[in-house]
Amino acid sequence: MLETIFGNETVATILLNVYHYDGIHARAIARNMGKVHGGIVHQLDRLEVGGLLISKEVGRTRVYMFNPKSPYTAPVKQIIQITYDHLPSRVKEKIFSENSKPRAKGKPIIRTYEKN
């Protein structure tokens, strides 16, 4: 469904990754998707120019996250949350295989709490 709303599977999966990790770099998304880094950066830049995403430098890495000041962020995140909540655990584990940050020992990969 997200592919239909956002125009293609790449953008839909990018947005799912940003939603899941609350901030992620392009190379991690590319690894999760098995795609070329340049194509992911192009789509992230488009979403940033459109105002839905923002980015910041963390060391030498650019991390992308939803723009809290955009009036479109809340409704878009609600749409993404519907899809995210209905993905089976095995699909989430496949899509979100890249750790964007070190995890605490014993912390599950999949979030089990409800996001705002």
Protein backbone atom coordinates (compact mmCIF):
# COMPACT_ATOMS: atom_id res chain seq x y z
CA MET A 1 0.00 0.00 0.00
CA LEU A 2 2.81 2.44 0.83
CA GLU A 3 4.23 1.97 -2.67
CA THR A 4 0.95 3.19 -4.13
CA ILE A 5 0.77 6.23 -1.85
CA PHE A 6 4.41 7.31 -2.17
CA GLY A 7 4.96 6.34 -5.81
CA ASN A 8 7.49 3.54 -5.52
CA GLU A 9 8.78 0.75 -3.32
CA THR A 10 12.13 2.46 -2.66
CA VAL A 11 10.57 5.55 -1.05
CA ALA A 12 8.12 3.40 0.92
CA THR A 13 10.92 1.24 2.31
CA ILE A 14 13.10 4.28 3.06
CA LEU A 15 10.27 5.81 5.09
CA LEU A 16 9.72 2.53 6.94
CA ASN A 17 13.43 2.49 7.82
CA VAL A 18 13.40 6.09 9.05
CA TYR A 19 10.28 5.30 11.09
CA HIS A 20 11.74 2.10 12.56
CA TYR A 21 15.11 3.55 13.56
CA ASP A 22 14.01 7.15 14.38
CA GLY A 23 17.09 8.28 12.47
CA ILE A 24 19.27 6.33 10.06
CA HIS A 25 22.03 6.91 7.55
CA ALA A 26 21.75 6.18 3.84
CA ARG A 27 24.29 3.36 3.79
CA ALA A 28 22.35 1.41 6.44
CA ILE A 29 19.13 1.79 4.44
CA ALA A 30 20.94 0.66 1.29
CA ARG A 31 22.27 -2.43 3.10
CA ASN A 32 18.81 -3.23 4.48
CA MET A 33 17.31 -2.94 1.00
CA GLY A 34 20.16 -4.54 -0.93
CA LYS A 35 20.29 -1.44 -3.15
CA VAL A 36 22.94 0.98 -4.33
CA HIS A 37 23.80 3.76 -1.87
CA GLY A 38 23.54 6.53 -4.50
CA GLY A 39 19.93 5.76 -5.36
CA ILE A 40 18.96 5.84 -1.70
CA VAL A 41 20.73 9.18 -1.18
CA HIS A 42 18.87 10.61 -4.18
CA GLN A 43 15.50 9.64 -2.69
CA LEU A 44 16.48 10.86 0.80
CA ASP A 45 17.54 14.21 -0.69
CA ARG A 46 14.19 14.48 -2.49
CA LEU A 47 12.31 13.80 0.74
CA GLU A 48 14.48 16.37 2.52
CA VAL A 49 13.91 19.04 -0.15
CA GLY A 50 10.19 18.32 0.14
CA GLY A 51 10.40 19.00 3.87
CA LEU A 52 9.30 15.58 5.14
CA LEU A 53 12.79 14.61 6.33
CA ILE A 54 15.68 16.52 7.84
CA SER A 55 19.27 15.43 8.22
CA LYS A 56 22.17 16.21 10.49
CA GLU A 57 25.84 15.38 10.50
CA VAL A 58 26.86 12.89 13.19
CA GLY A 59 30.61 12.62 12.88
CA ARG A 60 31.20 12.01 9.18
CA THR A 61 27.77 10.48 8.63
CA ARG A 62 24.53 12.20 7.60
CA VAL A 63 21.59 10.86 9.62
CA TYR A 64 18.05 11.32 8.30
CA MET A 65 14.93 11.65 10.44
CA PHE A 66 11.39 12.97 10.15
CA ASN A 67 11.04 16.75 10.22
CA PRO A 68 9.14 17.59 13.43
CA LYS A 69 8.24 21.04 12.06
CA SER A 70 6.57 19.78 8.89
CA PRO A 71 2.74 19.72 8.92
CA TYR A 72 2.95 16.53 6.81
CA THR A 73 5.05 14.51 9.25
CA ALA A 74 2.29 13.45 11.67
CA PRO A 75 -0.16 12.22 9.00
CA VAL A 76 2.59 10.49 7.01
CA LYS A 77 3.88 8.78 10.16
CA GLN A 78 0.34 7.60 10.93
CA ILE A 79 0.11 5.99 7.49
CA ILE A 80 3.52 4.40 7.93
CA GLN A 81 2.62 3.17 11.42
CA ILE A 82 -0.43 1.32 10.05
CA THR A 83 1.78 -0.56 7.60
CA TYR A 84 4.56 -1.07 10.18
CA ASP A 85 2.15 -2.48 12.77
CA HIS A 86 0.77 -4.99 10.28
CA LEU A 87 4.12 -6.32 9.06
CA PRO A 88 4.81 -9.84 10.35
CA SER A 89 7.84 -10.14 12.67
CA ARG A 90 9.75 -12.22 10.12
CA VAL A 91 9.32 -9.47 7.52
CA LYS A 92 10.47 -6.81 10.00
CA GLU A 93 13.55 -8.85 10.84
CA LYS A 94 14.36 -9.12 7.13
CA ILE A 95 13.72 -5.44 6.30
CA PHE A 96 15.41 -4.00 9.39
CA SER A 97 18.49 -6.17 9.60
CA GLU A 98 20.96 -3.30 9.90
CA ASN A 99 21.69 -2.00 13.37
CA SER A 100 21.99 1.77 13.15
CA LYS A 101 23.16 2.00 16.77
CA PRO A 102 24.62 -0.49 19.22
CA ARG A 103 21.91 -2.35 21.09
CA ALA A 104 21.84 -3.10 24.77
CA LYS A 105 22.33 -6.75 25.62
CA GLY A 106 19.03 -8.60 25.37
CA LYS A 107 17.17 -5.74 23.66
CA PRO A 108 14.92 -7.08 20.86
CA ILE A 109 15.31 -5.89 17.27
CA ILE A 110 11.59 -5.31 16.85
CA ARG A 111 9.86 -2.58 18.79
CA THR A 112 6.91 -3.83 20.76
CA TYR A 113 5.58 -0.50 22.05
CA GLU A 114 3.21 1.85 20.28
CA LYS A 115 4.79 4.92 18.67
CA ASN A 116 3.27 8.39 18.67
